[in-house]
Amino acid sequence: MRPYLMSPPSTHEALQHRGEAPRAPLSEIVKETATDLITLVTAEVKLARLELLAGVRHAMGRATWVAIGAVPLVTAYLLAVAALALWLRTLWGWAGGLAATAVAQAIIGGAVLWTLPCSTPASPSPRTLSPSDTTRNFRRDDGDRRD
């Protein structure tokens, strides 16, 4: 083997047999590449399925806890609204009590909806970030504070 020199190899050195293994025919290389590609795509599909199932399990677990907490909360809310309507009935009658309760609910609901963010994404889309920003966000999410 020649050391790193600035001059090109001589014709004699270029014509010498290098001791390489005989090359496989092109059709064999294409078949092996196609087999490897199929294996890679199959593994990627399996990984995507696993990630999807993990995400669904996580979401279902959270939805279960929200449902468990929402049932008593909604029940208590409905009882409180009914109690308010009954109490206001003594002051303004049935129609006035129900109307005042409905107006109060509309005001509270409007205030809650007004304070919600309309279209602010929770996190920026990876498509809109440059590669360095994506790496920086990954490090931040991973707990690594080096930038």
N, C-alpha and C. Protein backbone atom coordinates (compact mmCIF):
# COMPACT_ATOMS: atom_id res chain seq x y z
N MET A 1 0.84 -1.16 0.00
CA MET A 1 0.00 0.00 0.00
C MET A 1 0.89 1.24 0.00
N ARG A 2 0.48 2.24 -0.73
CA ARG A 2 1.28 3.46 -0.82
C ARG A 2 0.95 4.39 0.32
N PRO A 3 1.96 5.04 0.85
CA PRO A 3 1.66 6.08 1.83
C PRO A 3 1.03 7.27 1.11
N TYR A 4 0.45 8.16 1.88
CA TYR A 4 -0.20 9.33 1.28
C TYR A 4 0.85 10.23 0.65
N LEU A 5 0.86 10.24 -0.67
CA LEU A 5 1.80 11.07 -1.41
C LEU A 5 1.01 12.00 -2.31
N MET A 6 1.64 13.05 -2.69
CA MET A 6 1.00 14.00 -3.57
C MET A 6 1.04 13.56 -5.03
N SER A 7 1.95 12.69 -5.38
CA SER A 7 2.07 12.28 -6.78
C SER A 7 1.10 11.13 -7.06
N PRO A 8 0.58 11.05 -8.28
CA PRO A 8 -0.34 9.95 -8.62
C PRO A 8 0.42 8.63 -8.67
N PRO A 9 -0.29 7.52 -8.51
CA PRO A 9 0.40 6.23 -8.57
C PRO A 9 0.94 5.97 -9.99
N SER A 10 2.00 5.22 -10.02
CA SER A 10 2.57 4.91 -11.33
C SER A 10 1.64 3.94 -12.07
N THR A 11 1.86 3.83 -13.36
CA THR A 11 1.02 2.95 -14.17
C THR A 11 1.17 1.51 -13.71
N HIS A 12 2.37 1.17 -13.30
CA HIS A 12 2.61 -0.20 -12.85
C HIS A 12 1.77 -0.50 -11.60
N GLU A 13 1.72 0.42 -10.64
CA GLU A 13 0.96 0.20 -9.42
C GLU A 13 -0.55 0.17 -9.70
N ALA A 14 -1.00 0.97 -10.65
CA ALA A 14 -2.43 1.02 -10.95
C ALA A 14 -2.89 -0.25 -11.64
N LEU A 15 -2.00 -0.94 -12.34
CA LEU A 15 -2.37 -2.15 -13.06
C LEU A 15 -2.24 -3.40 -12.21
N GLN A 16 -1.65 -3.29 -11.02
CA GLN A 16 -1.47 -4.46 -10.18
C GLN A 16 -2.81 -4.95 -9.64
N HIS A 17 -2.90 -6.24 -9.43
CA HIS A 17 -4.08 -6.82 -8.82
C HIS A 17 -4.10 -6.44 -7.34
N ARG A 18 -5.23 -5.97 -6.84
CA ARG A 18 -5.30 -5.45 -5.47
C ARG A 18 -5.72 -6.50 -4.46
N GLY A 19 -5.99 -7.67 -4.85
CA GLY A 19 -6.36 -8.72 -3.93
C GLY A 19 -7.82 -8.59 -3.48
N GLU A 20 -8.63 -7.95 -4.28
CA GLU A 20 -10.03 -7.78 -3.93
C GLU A 20 -10.79 -9.07 -4.22
N ALA A 21 -11.88 -9.28 -3.49
CA ALA A 21 -12.72 -10.44 -3.73
C ALA A 21 -13.44 -10.23 -5.05
N PRO A 22 -13.79 -11.29 -5.73
CA PRO A 22 -14.51 -11.14 -6.98
C PRO A 22 -15.87 -10.46 -6.72
N ARG A 23 -16.22 -9.57 -7.61
CA ARG A 23 -17.47 -8.81 -7.44
C ARG A 23 -18.68 -9.68 -7.79
N ALA A 24 -19.77 -9.41 -7.03
CA ALA A 24 -21.02 -10.12 -7.31
C ALA A 24 -21.68 -9.49 -8.53
N PRO A 25 -22.43 -10.26 -9.25
CA PRO A 25 -23.11 -9.69 -10.41
C PRO A 25 -24.15 -8.63 -9.96
N LEU A 26 -24.45 -7.73 -10.85
CA LEU A 26 -25.35 -6.62 -10.55
C LEU A 26 -26.74 -7.12 -10.14
N SER A 27 -27.24 -8.15 -10.78
CA SER A 27 -28.57 -8.67 -10.44
C SER A 27 -28.62 -9.16 -8.99
N GLU A 28 -27.54 -9.76 -8.53
CA GLU A 28 -27.47 -10.24 -7.15
C GLU A 28 -27.46 -9.07 -6.17
N ILE A 29 -26.74 -8.03 -6.52
CA ILE A 29 -26.69 -6.83 -5.66
C ILE A 29 -28.07 -6.19 -5.58
N VAL A 30 -28.78 -6.13 -6.70
CA VAL A 30 -30.12 -5.54 -6.72
C VAL A 30 -31.07 -6.38 -5.87
N LYS A 31 -30.99 -7.70 -5.97
CA LYS A 31 -31.85 -8.57 -5.17
C LYS A 31 -31.59 -8.39 -3.68
N GLU A 32 -30.32 -8.34 -3.30
CA GLU A 32 -29.98 -8.14 -1.88
C GLU A 32 -30.46 -6.78 -1.39
N THR A 33 -30.30 -5.77 -2.22
CA THR A 33 -30.76 -4.42 -1.84
C THR A 33 -32.27 -4.41 -1.68
N ALA A 34 -33.00 -5.06 -2.59
CA ALA A 34 -34.47 -5.11 -2.50
C ALA A 34 -34.90 -5.86 -1.24
N THR A 35 -34.22 -6.95 -0.92
CA THR A 35 -34.53 -7.71 0.29
C THR A 35 -34.29 -6.86 1.53
N ASP A 36 -33.15 -6.15 1.55
CA ASP A 36 -32.86 -5.28 2.69
C ASP A 36 -33.88 -4.15 2.81
N LEU A 37 -34.31 -3.62 1.67
CA LEU A 37 -35.30 -2.55 1.68
C LEU A 37 -36.64 -3.06 2.23
N ILE A 38 -37.04 -4.24 1.82
CA ILE A 38 -38.28 -4.83 2.32
C ILE A 38 -38.19 -5.06 3.82
N THR A 39 -37.05 -5.55 4.28
CA THR A 39 -36.85 -5.76 5.71
C THR A 39 -36.93 -4.43 6.47
N LEU A 40 -36.31 -3.40 5.92
CA LEU A 40 -36.33 -2.08 6.57
C LEU A 40 -37.74 -1.51 6.63
N VAL A 41 -38.48 -1.59 5.53
CA VAL A 41 -39.85 -1.05 5.51
C VAL A 41 -40.74 -1.83 6.47
N THR A 42 -40.58 -3.15 6.52
CA THR A 42 -41.36 -3.97 7.44
C THR A 42 -41.08 -3.57 8.89
N ALA A 43 -39.81 -3.36 9.21
CA ALA A 43 -39.46 -2.96 10.57
C ALA A 43 -40.02 -1.58 10.89
N GLU A 44 -39.98 -0.66 9.93
CA GLU A 44 -40.53 0.68 10.15
C GLU A 44 -42.03 0.63 10.38
N VAL A 45 -42.74 -0.20 9.62
CA VAL A 45 -44.19 -0.33 9.81
C VAL A 45 -44.49 -0.91 11.19
N LYS A 46 -43.74 -1.92 11.61
CA LYS A 46 -43.94 -2.49 12.95
C LYS A 46 -43.68 -1.44 14.03
N LEU A 47 -42.63 -0.65 13.85
CA LEU A 47 -42.32 0.40 14.82
C LEU A 47 -43.43 1.45 14.85
N ALA A 48 -43.94 1.83 13.70
CA ALA A 48 -45.03 2.81 13.66
C ALA A 48 -46.27 2.28 14.36
N ARG A 49 -46.58 1.01 14.16
CA ARG A 49 -47.72 0.40 14.85
C ARG A 49 -47.53 0.42 16.36
N LEU A 50 -46.33 0.06 16.81
CA LEU A 50 -46.05 0.07 18.24
C LEU A 50 -46.17 1.47 18.83
N GLU A 51 -45.64 2.46 18.12
CA GLU A 51 -45.73 3.84 18.60
C GLU A 51 -47.18 4.31 18.63
N LEU A 52 -47.95 3.94 17.62
CA LEU A 52 -49.36 4.31 17.59
C LEU A 52 -50.12 3.66 18.74
N LEU A 53 -49.87 2.38 18.98
CA LEU A 53 -50.54 1.70 20.08
C LEU A 53 -50.15 2.30 21.43
N ALA A 54 -48.89 2.66 21.59
CA ALA A 54 -48.46 3.28 22.84
C ALA A 54 -49.15 4.63 23.04
N GLY A 55 -49.27 5.40 21.96
CA GLY A 55 -49.95 6.68 22.05
C GLY A 55 -51.43 6.53 22.37
N VAL A 56 -52.07 5.54 21.76
CA VAL A 56 -53.50 5.30 22.02
C VAL A 56 -53.70 4.85 23.46
N ARG A 57 -52.83 3.96 23.94
CA ARG A 57 -52.95 3.52 25.34
C ARG A 57 -52.79 4.69 26.30
N HIS A 58 -51.83 5.55 26.03
CA HIS A 58 -51.61 6.72 26.88
C HIS A 58 -52.83 7.63 26.86
N ALA A 59 -53.36 7.89 25.67
CA ALA A 59 -54.53 8.76 25.55
C ALA A 59 -55.75 8.15 26.23
N MET A 60 -55.94 6.85 26.08
CA MET A 60 -57.08 6.19 26.72
C MET A 60 -56.96 6.22 28.24
N GLY A 61 -55.75 6.07 28.74
CA GLY A 61 -55.55 6.16 30.19
C GLY A 61 -55.91 7.55 30.71
N ARG A 62 -55.47 8.57 29.99
CA ARG A 62 -55.80 9.93 30.41
C ARG A 62 -57.29 10.20 30.27
N ALA A 63 -57.91 9.72 29.19
CA ALA A 63 -59.34 9.93 28.99
C ALA A 63 -60.15 9.23 30.08
N THR A 64 -59.68 8.07 30.52
CA THR A 64 -60.36 7.36 31.60
C THR A 64 -60.35 8.19 32.88
N TRP A 65 -59.20 8.75 33.22
CA TRP A 65 -59.12 9.56 34.44
C TRP A 65 -59.96 10.83 34.31
N VAL A 66 -60.00 11.42 33.13
CA VAL A 66 -60.84 12.60 32.93
C VAL A 66 -62.31 12.23 33.10
N ALA A 67 -62.72 11.09 32.54
CA ALA A 67 -64.11 10.65 32.66
C ALA A 67 -64.46 10.35 34.11
N ILE A 68 -63.54 9.72 34.83
CA ILE A 68 -63.79 9.41 36.24
C ILE A 68 -63.96 10.69 37.04
N GLY A 69 -63.18 11.70 36.74
CA GLY A 69 -63.29 12.97 37.47
C GLY A 69 -64.44 13.83 36.98
N ALA A 70 -64.83 13.68 35.72
CA ALA A 70 -65.87 14.54 35.15
C ALA A 70 -67.26 14.18 35.65
N VAL A 71 -67.52 12.92 35.91
CA VAL A 71 -68.86 12.51 36.34
C VAL A 71 -69.26 13.17 37.65
N PRO A 72 -68.46 13.10 38.72
CA PRO A 72 -68.85 13.79 39.96
C PRO A 72 -68.87 15.31 39.79
N LEU A 73 -67.97 15.84 38.97
CA LEU A 73 -67.92 17.28 38.76
C LEU A 73 -69.19 17.78 38.07
N VAL A 74 -69.62 17.10 37.03
CA VAL A 74 -70.83 17.50 36.31
C VAL A 74 -72.06 17.34 37.21
N THR A 75 -72.09 16.26 37.97
CA THR A 75 -73.22 16.05 38.89
C THR A 75 -73.30 17.18 39.91
N ALA A 76 -72.17 17.53 40.50
CA ALA A 76 -72.15 18.61 41.49
C ALA A 76 -72.53 19.94 40.85
N TYR A 77 -72.07 20.17 39.64
CA TYR A 77 -72.39 21.41 38.94
C TYR A 77 -73.89 21.52 38.67
N LEU A 78 -74.50 20.44 38.19
CA LEU A 78 -75.94 20.46 37.93
C LEU A 78 -76.75 20.67 39.20
N LEU A 79 -76.33 20.04 40.29
CA LEU A 79 -77.02 20.25 41.56
C LEU A 79 -76.87 21.69 42.05
N ALA A 80 -75.71 22.27 41.86
CA ALA A 80 -75.50 23.66 42.27
C ALA A 80 -76.35 24.61 41.45
N VAL A 81 -76.46 24.37 40.14
CA VAL A 81 -77.30 25.22 39.29
C VAL A 81 -78.76 25.08 39.68
N ALA A 82 -79.20 23.86 39.97
CA ALA A 82 -80.59 23.65 40.40
C ALA A 82 -80.85 24.35 41.74
N ALA A 83 -79.89 24.26 42.65
CA ALA A 83 -80.05 24.95 43.95
C ALA A 83 -80.11 26.46 43.75
N LEU A 84 -79.30 27.00 42.84
CA LEU A 84 -79.34 28.43 42.57
C LEU A 84 -80.70 28.84 42.00
N ALA A 85 -81.22 28.03 41.07
CA ALA A 85 -82.54 28.34 40.48
C ALA A 85 -83.62 28.26 41.55
N LEU A 86 -83.56 27.28 42.45
CA LEU A 86 -84.55 27.18 43.53
C LEU A 86 -84.46 28.37 44.48
N TRP A 87 -83.26 28.78 44.78
CA TRP A 87 -83.09 29.92 45.70
C TRP A 87 -83.59 31.21 45.05
N LEU A 88 -83.26 31.40 43.76
CA LEU A 88 -83.73 32.60 43.07
C LEU A 88 -85.24 32.59 42.84
N ARG A 89 -85.86 31.40 42.86
CA ARG A 89 -87.31 31.28 42.72
C ARG A 89 -88.03 32.02 43.84
N THR A 90 -87.43 31.98 45.03
CA THR A 90 -88.07 32.66 46.17
C THR A 90 -88.04 34.18 45.99
N LEU A 91 -87.06 34.68 45.24
CA LEU A 91 -86.96 36.13 45.05
C LEU A 91 -87.76 36.61 43.85
N TRP A 92 -87.64 35.89 42.71
CA TRP A 92 -88.21 36.39 41.45
C TRP A 92 -89.23 35.44 40.83
N GLY A 93 -89.57 34.38 41.45
CA GLY A 93 -90.49 33.39 40.89
C GLY A 93 -89.72 32.40 39.99
N TRP A 94 -90.47 31.38 39.50
CA TRP A 94 -89.83 30.34 38.69
C TRP A 94 -89.20 30.91 37.42
N ALA A 95 -89.92 31.70 36.71
CA ALA A 95 -89.41 32.23 35.44
C ALA A 95 -88.19 33.12 35.68
N GLY A 96 -88.24 33.99 36.66
CA GLY A 96 -87.11 34.87 36.96
C GLY A 96 -85.90 34.10 37.45
N GLY A 97 -86.12 33.09 38.30
CA GLY A 97 -85.01 32.27 38.81
C GLY A 97 -84.31 31.51 37.70
N LEU A 98 -85.11 30.88 36.83
CA LEU A 98 -84.52 30.14 35.71
C LEU A 98 -83.82 31.07 34.73
N ALA A 99 -84.42 32.23 34.48
CA ALA A 99 -83.81 33.18 33.55
C ALA A 99 -82.49 33.71 34.11
N ALA A 100 -82.47 34.07 35.38
CA ALA A 100 -81.23 34.57 35.99
C ALA A 100 -80.14 33.51 35.99
N THR A 101 -80.52 32.25 36.25
CA THR A 101 -79.55 31.16 36.23
C THR A 101 -79.02 30.96 34.81
N ALA A 102 -79.90 31.02 33.82
CA ALA A 102 -79.46 30.86 32.42
C ALA A 102 -78.53 31.98 32.00
N VAL A 103 -78.83 33.21 32.38
CA VAL A 103 -77.96 34.34 32.04
C VAL A 103 -76.60 34.19 32.72
N ALA A 104 -76.61 33.77 33.98
CA ALA A 104 -75.35 33.57 34.70
C ALA A 104 -74.51 32.48 34.01
N GLN A 105 -75.16 31.40 33.58
CA GLN A 105 -74.43 30.33 32.90
C GLN A 105 -73.88 30.81 31.56
N ALA A 106 -74.63 31.62 30.84
CA ALA A 106 -74.15 32.15 29.56
C ALA A 106 -72.96 33.06 29.76
N ILE A 107 -72.99 33.88 30.79
CA ILE A 107 -71.86 34.77 31.07
C ILE A 107 -70.62 33.98 31.46
N ILE A 108 -70.80 33.00 32.34
CA ILE A 108 -69.65 32.18 32.77
C ILE A 108 -69.10 31.39 31.58
N GLY A 109 -69.97 30.78 30.79
CA GLY A 109 -69.51 30.01 29.61
C GLY A 109 -68.80 30.88 28.60
N GLY A 110 -69.33 32.09 28.37
CA GLY A 110 -68.67 33.01 27.45
C GLY A 110 -67.30 33.44 27.95
N ALA A 111 -67.19 33.68 29.25
CA ALA A 111 -65.89 34.06 29.82
C ALA A 111 -64.88 32.94 29.70
N VAL A 112 -65.32 31.70 29.93
CA VAL A 112 -64.41 30.56 29.80
C VAL A 112 -63.96 30.40 28.35
N LEU A 113 -64.91 30.48 27.41
CA LEU A 113 -64.53 30.35 26.00
C LEU A 113 -63.65 31.50 25.53
N TRP A 114 -63.86 32.69 26.06
CA TRP A 114 -63.07 33.84 25.67
C TRP A 114 -61.62 33.70 26.13
N THR A 115 -61.40 33.05 27.26
CA THR A 115 -60.04 32.91 27.79
C THR A 115 -59.26 31.76 27.14
N LEU A 116 -59.95 30.85 26.44
CA LEU A 116 -59.26 29.73 25.80
C LEU A 116 -58.46 30.22 24.60
N PRO A 117 -57.27 29.65 24.37
CA PRO A 117 -56.51 30.02 23.17
C PRO A 117 -57.21 29.45 21.94
N CYS A 118 -57.28 30.27 20.91
CA CYS A 118 -58.02 29.86 19.71
C CYS A 118 -57.26 28.86 18.87
N SER A 119 -56.11 29.27 18.36
CA SER A 119 -55.38 28.38 17.45
C SER A 119 -53.90 28.34 17.77
N THR A 120 -53.56 28.53 19.01
CA THR A 120 -52.16 28.48 19.39
C THR A 120 -51.74 27.03 19.53
N PRO A 121 -50.77 26.57 18.72
CA PRO A 121 -50.36 25.17 18.85
C PRO A 121 -49.60 24.96 20.16
N ALA A 122 -49.71 23.74 20.68
CA ALA A 122 -49.04 23.41 21.93
C ALA A 122 -47.52 23.44 21.75
N SER A 123 -47.04 23.01 20.60
CA SER A 123 -45.62 23.05 20.31
C SER A 123 -45.47 23.31 18.82
N PRO A 124 -44.35 23.90 18.42
CA PRO A 124 -44.17 24.20 17.00
C PRO A 124 -44.04 22.92 16.19
N SER A 125 -44.50 23.00 14.96
CA SER A 125 -44.42 21.85 14.07
C SER A 125 -42.98 21.62 13.65
N PRO A 126 -42.52 20.35 13.63
CA PRO A 126 -41.14 20.08 13.19
C PRO A 126 -40.89 20.53 11.75
N ARG A 127 -41.94 20.61 10.94
CA ARG A 127 -41.76 21.03 9.55
C ARG A 127 -41.36 22.49 9.45
N THR A 128 -41.75 23.30 10.43
CA THR A 128 -41.46 24.73 10.37
C THR A 128 -40.15 25.09 11.05
N LEU A 129 -39.52 24.14 11.70
CA LEU A 129 -38.27 24.41 12.41
C LEU A 129 -37.06 24.07 11.56
N SER A 130 -35.99 24.81 11.78
CA SER A 130 -34.74 24.46 11.12
C SER A 130 -34.14 23.26 11.86
N PRO A 131 -33.19 22.55 11.25
CA PRO A 131 -32.60 21.40 11.93
C PRO A 131 -31.95 21.76 13.27
N SER A 132 -31.33 22.92 13.37
CA SER A 132 -30.71 23.29 14.64
C SER A 132 -31.77 23.56 15.70
N ASP A 133 -32.91 24.17 15.32
CA ASP A 133 -33.99 24.38 16.27
C ASP A 133 -34.58 23.06 16.74
N THR A 134 -34.73 22.11 15.81
CA THR A 134 -35.27 20.81 16.17
C THR A 134 -34.35 20.12 17.16
N THR A 135 -33.04 20.18 16.92
CA THR A 135 -32.08 19.58 17.84
C THR A 135 -32.13 20.27 19.19
N ARG A 136 -32.25 21.59 19.19
CA ARG A 136 -32.30 22.33 20.44
C ARG A 136 -33.55 21.93 21.23
N ASN A 137 -34.70 21.80 20.56
CA ASN A 137 -35.92 21.39 21.24
C ASN A 137 -35.81 19.97 21.76
N PHE A 138 -35.18 19.08 20.98
CA PHE A 138 -35.01 17.71 21.42
C PHE A 138 -34.16 17.68 22.68
N ARG A 139 -33.07 18.44 22.70
CA ARG A 139 -32.23 18.47 23.88
C ARG A 139 -32.99 19.03 25.07
N ARG A 140 -33.80 20.06 24.84
CA ARG A 140 -34.56 20.67 25.92
C ARG A 140 -35.56 19.65 26.47
N ASP A 141 -36.24 18.92 25.58
CA ASP A 141 -37.22 17.94 26.02
C ASP A 141 -36.55 16.76 26.71
N ASP A 142 -35.34 16.45 26.29
CA ASP A 142 -34.62 15.31 26.84
C ASP A 142 -34.00 15.64 28.18
N GLY A 143 -33.97 16.89 28.58
CA GLY A 143 -33.39 17.25 29.85
C GLY A 143 -31.96 17.76 29.74
N ASP A 144 -31.38 17.72 28.55
CA ASP A 144 -30.03 18.20 28.34
C ASP A 144 -30.11 19.70 28.11
N ARG A 145 -29.47 20.47 28.95
CA ARG A 145 -29.59 21.93 28.88
C ARG A 145 -28.46 22.58 28.09
N ARG A 146 -27.62 21.80 27.45
CA ARG A 146 -26.53 22.38 26.65
C ARG A 146 -27.07 22.86 25.32
N ASP A 147 -26.74 24.09 24.94
CA ASP A 147 -27.12 24.63 23.63
C ASP A 147 -25.90 25.09 22.87
